[in-house]
PDB file of N, CA and C in Angstrom:
ATOM      1  N   MET A   1     -27.873  -7.090  17.015  1.00  0.00           N
ATOM      2  CA  MET A   1     -26.621  -7.658  16.045  1.00  0.00           C
ATOM      3  C   MET A   1     -26.943  -8.929  15.657  1.00  0.00           C
ATOM      4  N   ASN A   2     -26.881  -9.256  14.401  1.00  0.00           N
ATOM      5  CA  ASN A   2     -27.067 -10.706  13.866  1.00  0.00           C
ATOM      6  C   ASN A   2     -25.838 -11.090  13.497  1.00  0.00           C
ATOM      7  N   LYS A   3     -25.309 -12.327  14.285  1.00  0.00           N
ATOM      8  CA  LYS A   3     -24.130 -13.108  13.620  1.00  0.00           C
ATOM      9  C   LYS A   3     -24.245 -13.989  12.803  1.00  0.00           C
ATOM     10  N   PHE A   4     -23.680 -14.322  11.909  1.00  0.00           N
ATOM     11  CA  PHE A   4     -23.775 -15.518  10.998  1.00  0.00           C
ATOM     12  C   PHE A   4     -22.343 -16.079  10.671  1.00  0.00           C
ATOM     13  N   THR A   5     -22.372 -17.491  10.504  1.00  0.00           N
ATOM     14  CA  THR A   5     -21.286 -18.023   9.974  1.00  0.00           C
ATOM     15  C   THR A   5     -21.269 -18.850   8.734  1.00  0.00           C
ATOM     16  N   TYR A   6     -20.226 -18.539   7.994  1.00  0.00           N
ATOM     17  CA  TYR A   6     -19.981 -19.222   6.447  1.00  0.00           C
ATOM     18  C   TYR A   6     -18.979 -19.785   6.260  1.00  0.00           C
ATOM     19  N   TYR A   7     -19.047 -21.040   5.779  1.00  0.00           N
ATOM     20  CA  TYR A   7     -17.958 -21.784   5.278  1.00  0.00           C
ATOM     21  C   TYR A   7     -17.652 -21.787   3.775  1.00  0.00           C
ATOM     22  N   PRO A   8     -16.790 -21.091   3.431  1.00  0.00           N
ATOM     23  CA  PRO A   8     -16.378 -20.777   2.055  1.00  0.00           C
ATOM     24  C   PRO A   8     -15.986 -21.922   1.297  1.00  0.00           C
ATOM     25  N   GLU A   9     -16.094 -22.159   0.050  1.00  0.00           N
ATOM     26  CA  GLU A   9     -15.762 -23.068  -0.792  1.00  0.00           C
ATOM     27  C   GLU A   9     -14.682 -22.568  -1.868  1.00  0.00           C
ATOM     28  N   GLY A  10     -13.469 -23.627  -2.156  1.00  0.00           N
ATOM     29  CA  GLY A  10     -12.587 -23.176  -3.234  1.00  0.00           C
ATOM     30  C   GLY A  10     -11.593 -22.062  -2.671  1.00  0.00           C
ATOM     31  N   THR A  11     -11.358 -21.657  -1.477  1.00  0.00           N
ATOM     32  CA  THR A  11     -10.527 -20.703  -0.819  1.00  0.00           C
ATOM     33  C   THR A  11      -9.990 -21.287  -0.019  1.00  0.00           C
ATOM     34  N   CYS A  12      -8.868 -20.337   0.327  1.00  0.00           N
ATOM     35  CA  CYS A  12      -7.849 -20.845   1.703  1.00  0.00           C
ATOM     36  C   CYS A  12      -8.595 -20.731   2.953  1.00  0.00           C
ATOM     37  N   SER A  13      -9.320 -19.631   3.108  1.00  0.00           N
ATOM     38  CA  SER A  13      -9.887 -19.547   4.029  1.00  0.00           C
ATOM     39  C   SER A  13     -11.022 -20.716   4.176  1.00  0.00           C
ATOM     40  N   VAL A  14     -11.138 -20.906   5.661  1.00  0.00           N
ATOM     41  CA  VAL A  14     -12.088 -21.913   5.707  1.00  0.00           C
ATOM     42  C   VAL A  14     -13.398 -21.518   6.706  1.00  0.00           C
ATOM     43  N   MET A  15     -13.510 -20.467   7.098  1.00  0.00           N
ATOM     44  CA  MET A  15     -14.646 -19.773   7.855  1.00  0.00           C
ATOM     45  C   MET A  15     -14.757 -18.215   7.668  1.00  0.00           C
ATOM     46  N   ILE A  16     -16.020 -17.852   7.594  1.00  0.00           N
ATOM     47  CA  ILE A  16     -16.072 -16.364   7.744  1.00  0.00           C
ATOM     48  C   ILE A  16     -17.135 -15.996   8.640  1.00  0.00           C
ATOM     49  N   GLU A  17     -16.885 -15.165   9.510  1.00  0.00           N
ATOM     50  CA  GLU A  17     -18.013 -14.689  10.541  1.00  0.00           C
ATOM     51  C   GLU A  17     -18.335 -13.492  10.490  1.00  0.00           C
ATOM     52  N   VAL A  18     -19.575 -13.113  10.215  1.00  0.00           N
ATOM     53  CA  VAL A  18     -20.104 -11.971   9.740  1.00  0.00           C
ATOM     54  C   VAL A  18     -21.209 -11.459  11.117  1.00  0.00           C
ATOM     55  N   GLU A  19     -20.885 -10.255  11.319  1.00  0.00           N
ATOM     56  CA  GLU A  19     -22.023  -9.571  12.409  1.00  0.00           C
ATOM     57  C   GLU A  19     -22.294  -8.481  11.712  1.00  0.00           C
ATOM     58  N   LEU A  20     -23.685  -8.047  11.463  1.00  0.00           N
ATOM     59  CA  LEU A  20     -24.540  -7.286  10.690  1.00  0.00           C
ATOM     60  C   LEU A  20     -25.222  -6.452  11.975  1.00  0.00           C
ATOM     61  N   ASP A  21     -25.411  -5.222  11.778  1.00  0.00           N
ATOM     62  CA  ASP A  21     -26.339  -4.327  12.517  1.00  0.00           C
ATOM     63  C   ASP A  21     -27.274  -4.024  11.656  1.00  0.00           C
ATOM     64  N   GLY A  22     -28.446  -4.344  11.489  1.00  0.00           N
ATOM     65  CA  GLY A  22     -29.282  -4.040  10.158  1.00  0.00           C
ATOM     66  C   GLY A  22     -28.783  -4.547   9.083  1.00  0.00           C
ATOM     67  N   ASP A  23     -28.440  -3.628   8.234  1.00  0.00           N
ATOM     68  CA  ASP A  23     -27.737  -4.034   6.783  1.00  0.00           C
ATOM     69  C   ASP A  23     -26.614  -3.461   6.719  1.00  0.00           C
ATOM     70  N   ARG A  24     -25.991  -3.214   7.842  1.00  0.00           N
ATOM     71  CA  ARG A  24     -24.478  -2.612   7.968  1.00  0.00           C
ATOM     72  C   ARG A  24     -23.669  -3.751   8.461  1.00  0.00           C
ATOM     73  N   ILE A  25     -22.186  -3.714   7.951  1.00  0.00           N
ATOM     74  CA  ILE A  25     -21.224  -4.561   8.592  1.00  0.00           C
ATOM     75  C   ILE A  25     -20.781  -4.208   9.801  1.00  0.00           C
ATOM     76  N   ASN A  26     -20.970  -5.016  10.809  1.00  0.00           N
ATOM     77  CA  ASN A  26     -20.477  -4.338  12.341  1.00  0.00           C
ATOM     78  C   ASN A  26     -18.831  -5.061  12.332  1.00  0.00           C
ATOM     79  N   ASP A  27     -18.880  -6.356  11.955  1.00  0.00           N
ATOM     80  CA  ASP A  27     -17.425  -7.155  11.875  1.00  0.00           C
ATOM     81  C   ASP A  27     -17.472  -8.036  11.083  1.00  0.00           C
ATOM     82  N   VAL A  28     -16.365  -8.563  10.664  1.00  0.00           N
ATOM     83  CA  VAL A  28     -16.156  -9.769   9.781  1.00  0.00           C
ATOM     84  C   VAL A  28     -14.821 -10.354  10.200  1.00  0.00           C
ATOM     85  N   VAL A  29     -14.854 -11.557  10.529  1.00  0.00           N
ATOM     86  CA  VAL A  29     -13.456 -12.358  10.954  1.00  0.00           C
ATOM     87  C   VAL A  29     -13.278 -13.444   9.797  1.00  0.00           C
ATOM     88  N   PHE A  30     -12.103 -13.494   9.413  1.00  0.00           N
ATOM     89  CA  PHE A  30     -11.703 -14.923   8.663  1.00  0.00           C
ATOM     90  C   PHE A  30     -11.113 -15.633   9.432  1.00  0.00           C
ATOM     91  N   THR A  31     -11.160 -17.033   9.268  1.00  0.00           N
ATOM     92  CA  THR A  31     -10.417 -18.093   9.832  1.00  0.00           C
ATOM     93  C   THR A  31      -9.677 -18.778   8.362  1.00  0.00           C
ATOM     94  N   GLY A  32      -8.204 -18.419   8.431  1.00  0.00           N
ATOM     95  CA  GLY A  32      -7.494 -19.088   7.407  1.00  0.00           C
ATOM     96  C   GLY A  32      -7.353 -18.120   6.252  1.00  0.00           C
ATOM     97  N   GLY A  33      -6.558 -18.399   5.139  1.00  0.00           N
ATOM     98  CA  GLY A  33      -6.224 -17.315   4.273  1.00  0.00           C
ATOM     99  C   GLY A  33      -5.422 -16.684   4.360  1.00  0.00           C
ATOM    100  N   CYS A  34      -5.185 -15.376   3.603  1.00  0.00           N
ATOM    101  CA  CYS A  34      -3.819 -14.542   3.786  1.00  0.00           C
ATOM    102  C   CYS A  34      -4.412 -13.424   4.998  1.00  0.00           C
ATOM    103  N   ASN A  35      -3.731 -13.524   6.073  1.00  0.00           N
ATOM    104  CA  ASN A  35      -4.291 -12.818   7.207  1.00  0.00           C
ATOM    105  C   ASN A  35      -4.175 -11.366   6.915  1.00  0.00           C
ATOM    106  N   GLY A  36      -2.934 -10.819   6.532  1.00  0.00           N
ATOM    107  CA  GLY A  36      -3.113  -9.436   6.327  1.00  0.00           C
ATOM    108  C   GLY A  36      -4.052  -9.025   5.375  1.00  0.00           C
ATOM    109  N   ASN A  37      -4.006  -9.411   4.406  1.00  0.00           N
ATOM    110  CA  ASN A  37      -5.114  -8.949   3.223  1.00  0.00           C
ATOM    111  C   ASN A  37      -6.568  -9.240   3.969  1.00  0.00           C
ATOM    112  N   LEU A  38      -6.801 -10.209   4.668  1.00  0.00           N
ATOM    113  CA  LEU A  38      -8.240 -10.276   4.847  1.00  0.00           C
ATOM    114  C   LEU A  38      -8.839  -9.549   6.041  1.00  0.00           C
ATOM    115  N   SER A  39      -7.698  -9.334   7.071  1.00  0.00           N
ATOM    116  CA  SER A  39      -7.784  -8.456   7.944  1.00  0.00           C
ATOM    117  C   SER A  39      -8.081  -7.108   7.561  1.00  0.00           C
ATOM    118  N   GLY A  40      -7.232  -6.638   6.469  1.00  0.00           N
ATOM    119  CA  GLY A  40      -7.342  -5.435   6.078  1.00  0.00           C
ATOM    120  C   GLY A  40      -8.824  -4.942   5.121  1.00  0.00           C
ATOM    121  N   ILE A  41      -9.294  -6.155   4.449  1.00  0.00           N
ATOM    122  CA  ILE A  41     -10.383  -6.039   3.934  1.00  0.00           C
ATOM    123  C   ILE A  41     -11.803  -5.719   5.117  1.00  0.00           C
ATOM    124  N   SER A  42     -11.493  -6.764   6.140  1.00  0.00           N
ATOM    125  CA  SER A  42     -12.334  -6.527   7.038  1.00  0.00           C
ATOM    126  C   SER A  42     -12.530  -5.142   7.837  1.00  0.00           C
ATOM    127  N   LYS A  43     -11.336  -4.356   7.941  1.00  0.00           N
ATOM    128  CA  LYS A  43     -11.292  -3.026   8.697  1.00  0.00           C
ATOM    129  C   LYS A  43     -11.719  -2.180   7.438  1.00  0.00           C
ATOM    130  N   LEU A  44     -11.553  -2.332   6.177  1.00  0.00           N
ATOM    131  CA  LEU A  44     -12.051  -1.504   5.239  1.00  0.00           C
ATOM    132  C   LEU A  44     -13.847  -1.317   5.094  1.00  0.00           C
ATOM    133  N   ILE A  45     -14.198  -2.610   5.222  1.00  0.00           N
ATOM    134  CA  ILE A  45     -15.631  -2.872   5.254  1.00  0.00           C
ATOM    135  C   ILE A  45     -16.455  -2.215   6.278  1.00  0.00           C
ATOM    136  N   LYS A  46     -15.720  -2.361   7.427  1.00  0.00           N
ATOM    137  CA  LYS A  46     -16.633  -2.164   8.866  1.00  0.00           C
ATOM    138  C   LYS A  46     -17.667  -0.917   8.590  1.00  0.00           C
ATOM    139  N   GLY A  47     -18.954  -0.806   9.115  1.00  0.00           N
ATOM    140  CA  GLY A  47     -19.837   0.165   8.544  1.00  0.00           C
ATOM    141  C   GLY A  47     -20.403   0.368   7.429  1.00  0.00           C
ATOM    142  N   MET A  48     -19.711  -0.332   6.365  1.00  0.00           N
ATOM    143  CA  MET A  48     -20.346  -0.127   5.165  1.00  0.00           C
ATOM    144  C   MET A  48     -21.715  -0.982   4.917  1.00  0.00           C
ATOM    145  N   LYS A  49     -22.622  -0.739   4.185  1.00  0.00           N
ATOM    146  CA  LYS A  49     -23.792  -1.551   4.042  1.00  0.00           C
ATOM    147  C   LYS A  49     -23.493  -2.849   3.051  1.00  0.00           C
ATOM    148  N   ALA A  50     -23.972  -3.800   3.315  1.00  0.00           N
ATOM    149  CA  ALA A  50     -23.415  -5.271   3.002  1.00  0.00           C
ATOM    150  C   ALA A  50     -23.629  -5.118   1.668  1.00  0.00           C
ATOM    151  N   GLU A  51     -24.843  -4.593   1.127  1.00  0.00           N
ATOM    152  CA  GLU A  51     -25.333  -4.486  -0.210  1.00  0.00           C
ATOM    153  C   GLU A  51     -24.009  -3.963  -1.339  1.00  0.00           C
ATOM    154  N   GLU A  52     -23.582  -2.914  -0.787  1.00  0.00           N
ATOM    155  CA  GLU A  52     -22.651  -1.979  -1.475  1.00  0.00           C
ATOM    156  C   GLU A  52     -21.249  -3.025  -1.443  1.00  0.00           C
ATOM    157  N   VAL A  53     -21.058  -3.648  -0.266  1.00  0.00           N
ATOM    158  CA  VAL A  53     -19.745  -4.348  -0.431  1.00  0.00           C
ATOM    159  C   VAL A  53     -20.058  -5.713  -1.130  1.00  0.00           C
ATOM    160  N   ILE A  54     -21.000  -6.224  -1.472  1.00  0.00           N
ATOM    161  CA  ILE A  54     -21.560  -7.334  -2.142  1.00  0.00           C
ATOM    162  C   ILE A  54     -21.133  -6.999  -3.712  1.00  0.00           C
ATOM    163  N   ASP A  55     -21.810  -5.815  -4.168  1.00  0.00           N
ATOM    164  CA  ASP A  55     -21.490  -5.148  -5.443  1.00  0.00           C
ATOM    165  C   ASP A  55     -19.936  -4.944  -5.688  1.00  0.00           C
ATOM    166  N   LYS A  56     -19.146  -4.558  -4.756  1.00  0.00           N
ATOM    167  CA  LYS A  56     -17.809  -4.633  -5.140  1.00  0.00           C
ATOM    168  C   LYS A  56     -16.970  -5.576  -5.078  1.00  0.00           C
ATOM    169  N   LEU A  57     -17.336  -6.625  -4.399  1.00  0.00           N
ATOM    170  CA  LEU A  57     -16.479  -7.883  -4.257  1.00  0.00           C
ATOM    171  C   LEU A  57     -17.066  -9.023  -5.197  1.00  0.00           C
ATOM    172  N   GLU A  58     -18.127  -9.077  -5.287  1.00  0.00           N
ATOM    173  CA  GLU A  58     -18.793 -10.346  -6.042  1.00  0.00           C
ATOM    174  C   GLU A  58     -18.027 -10.500  -7.545  1.00  0.00           C
ATOM    175  N   GLY A  59     -17.789 -11.830  -7.744  1.00  0.00           N
ATOM    176  CA  GLY A  59     -17.184 -12.083  -8.763  1.00  0.00           C
ATOM    177  C   GLY A  59     -15.563 -12.093  -8.919  1.00  0.00           C
ATOM    178  N   THR A  60     -14.849 -11.475  -7.754  1.00  0.00           N
ATOM    179  CA  THR A  60     -13.369 -11.277  -7.852  1.00  0.00           C
ATOM    180  C   THR A  60     -12.763 -12.942  -7.661  1.00  0.00           C
ATOM    181  N   THR A  61     -11.749 -12.955  -8.387  1.00  0.00           N
ATOM    182  CA  THR A  61     -11.160 -14.118  -8.552  1.00  0.00           C
ATOM    183  C   THR A  61      -9.885 -14.135  -7.924  1.00  0.00           C
ATOM    184  N   CYS A  62      -9.234 -15.336  -7.710  1.00  0.00           N
ATOM    185  CA  CYS A  62      -7.963 -15.602  -7.242  1.00  0.00           C
ATOM    186  C   CYS A  62      -7.170 -16.605  -7.935  1.00  0.00           C
ATOM    187  N   GLY A  63      -6.111 -15.756  -8.471  1.00  0.00           N
ATOM    188  CA  GLY A  63      -5.150 -16.795  -9.630  1.00  0.00           C
ATOM    189  C   GLY A  63      -6.029 -17.533 -10.585  1.00  0.00           C
ATOM    190  N   PHE A  64      -5.725 -18.902 -10.592  1.00  0.00           N
ATOM    191  CA  PHE A  64      -6.520 -19.721 -11.326  1.00  0.00           C
ATOM    192  C   PHE A  64      -7.811 -20.253 -11.099  1.00  0.00           C
ATOM    193  N   LYS A  65      -8.463 -19.851  -9.787  1.00  0.00           N
ATOM    194  CA  LYS A  65      -9.714 -20.288  -9.308  1.00  0.00           C
ATOM    195  C   LYS A  65     -10.814 -19.353  -9.693  1.00  0.00           C
ATOM    196  N   ASP A  66     -11.885 -19.849  -9.831  1.00  0.00           N
ATOM    197  CA  ASP A  66     -13.205 -19.160 -10.386  1.00  0.00           C
ATOM    198  C   ASP A  66     -13.690 -18.251  -9.214  1.00  0.00           C
ATOM    199  N   THR A  67     -13.030 -18.348  -7.816  1.00  0.00           N
ATOM    200  CA  THR A  67     -13.587 -17.570  -6.781  1.00  0.00           C
ATOM    201  C   THR A  67     -12.457 -17.011  -6.055  1.00  0.00           C
ATOM    202  N   SER A  68     -12.877 -16.459  -5.007  1.00  0.00           N
ATOM    203  CA  SER A  68     -11.452 -15.677  -3.975  1.00  0.00           C
ATOM    204  C   SER A  68     -12.363 -15.485  -2.596  1.00  0.00           C
ATOM    205  N   CYS A  69     -11.356 -15.119  -1.694  1.00  0.00           N
ATOM    206  CA  CYS A  69     -11.956 -14.785  -0.368  1.00  0.00           C
ATOM    207  C   CYS A  69     -13.208 -13.728  -0.264  1.00  0.00           C
ATOM    208  N   PRO A  70     -12.752 -12.763  -1.114  1.00  0.00           N
ATOM    209  CA  PRO A  70     -13.685 -11.544  -1.271  1.00  0.00           C
ATOM    210  C   PRO A  70     -14.982 -11.974  -1.887  1.00  0.00           C
ATOM    211  N   ASP A  71     -14.811 -12.718  -2.869  1.00  0.00           N
ATOM    212  CA  ASP A  71     -16.196 -13.225  -3.549  1.00  0.00           C
ATOM    213  C   ASP A  71     -16.840 -14.205  -2.514  1.00  0.00           C
ATOM    214  N   GLN A  72     -16.229 -15.050  -1.831  1.00  0.00           N
ATOM    215  CA  GLN A  72     -17.176 -15.777  -0.719  1.00  0.00           C
ATOM    216  C   GLN A  72     -17.593 -15.015   0.319  1.00  0.00           C
ATOM    217  N   LEU A  73     -17.026 -13.860   0.684  1.00  0.00           N
ATOM    218  CA  LEU A  73     -17.468 -12.816   1.588  1.00  0.00           C
ATOM    219  C   LEU A  73     -18.819 -12.264   0.942  1.00  0.00           C
ATOM    220  N   SER A  74     -18.898 -11.877  -0.309  1.00  0.00           N
ATOM    221  CA  SER A  74     -20.123 -11.602  -0.880  1.00  0.00           C
ATOM    222  C   SER A  74     -20.944 -12.574  -0.814  1.00  0.00           C
ATOM    223  N   LYS A  75     -20.934 -13.805  -0.759  1.00  0.00           N
ATOM    224  CA  LYS A  75     -21.751 -14.918  -0.714  1.00  0.00           C
ATOM    225  C   LYS A  75     -22.132 -15.119   0.697  1.00  0.00           C
ATOM    226  N   ALA A  76     -21.384 -14.889   1.534  1.00  0.00           N
ATOM    227  CA  ALA A  76     -21.579 -14.913   3.242  1.00  0.00           C
ATOM    228  C   ALA A  76     -22.530 -13.727   3.489  1.00  0.00           C
ATOM    229  N   LEU A  77     -22.274 -12.621   2.894  1.00  0.00           N
ATOM    230  CA  LEU A  77     -23.125 -11.426   3.338  1.00  0.00           C
ATOM    231  C   LEU A  77     -24.377 -11.669   2.698  1.00  0.00           C
ATOM    232  N   ARG A  78     -24.547 -12.073   1.392  1.00  0.00           N
ATOM    233  CA  ARG A  78     -25.917 -12.554   1.005  1.00  0.00           C
ATOM    234  C   ARG A  78     -26.933 -13.477   1.606  1.00  0.00           C
ATOM    235  N   GLN A  79     -26.157 -14.584   2.135  1.00  0.00           N
ATOM    236  CA  GLN A  79     -26.796 -15.276   3.112  1.00  0.00           C
ATOM    237  C   GLN A  79     -27.257 -14.764   4.530  1.00  0.00           C
ATOM    238  N   ALA A  80     -26.171 -13.824   5.139  1.00  0.00           N
ATOM    239  CA  ALA A  80     -26.613 -13.250   6.210  1.00  0.00           C
ATOM    240  C   ALA A  80     -27.714 -12.424   5.978  1.00  0.00           C
ATOM    241  N   LEU A  81     -27.900 -11.525   4.772  1.00  0.00           N
ATOM    242  CA  LEU A  81     -28.946 -10.598   4.637  1.00  0.00           C
ATOM    243  C   LEU A  81     -30.173 -11.572   4.642  1.00  0.00           C
ATOM    244  N   ALA A  82     -30.244 -12.507   3.871  1.00  0.00           N
ATOM    245  CA  ALA A  82     -31.372 -13.388   3.683  1.00  0.00           C
ATOM    246  C   ALA A  82     -31.965 -13.906   5.015  1.00  0.00           C
ATOM    247  N   GLN A  83     -31.071 -14.037   5.984  1.00  0.00           N
ATOM    248  CA  GLN A  83     -31.511 -14.806   7.481  1.00  0.00           C
ATOM    249  C   GLN A  83     -31.791 -13.655   8.272  1.00  0.00           C
ATOM    250  N   ALA A  84     -31.336 -12.303   8.144  1.00  0.00           N
ATOM    251  CA  ALA A  84     -31.686 -11.323   8.834  1.00  0.00           C
ATOM    252  C   ALA A  84     -33.556 -11.111   9.248  1.00  0.00           C
TER     253      ALA A  84
END
């Protein structure tokens, strides 16, 4: 298992902790942000390939912001894959 911590920019969440098993997501924990939505996303993507999640979430915006917690998760996953 590879654990990675990412500090998002431009979102309400302040930290994303990712655990990968190879290229599959084992766990994702958000600190801050909309707890119900983010814990739901974490459950939905568990076991999925990181690249598939990146493809689905990258570019998602939140209100007037040009990013979102899902978009920042895609960035976290990219970095985690690069370091694995």
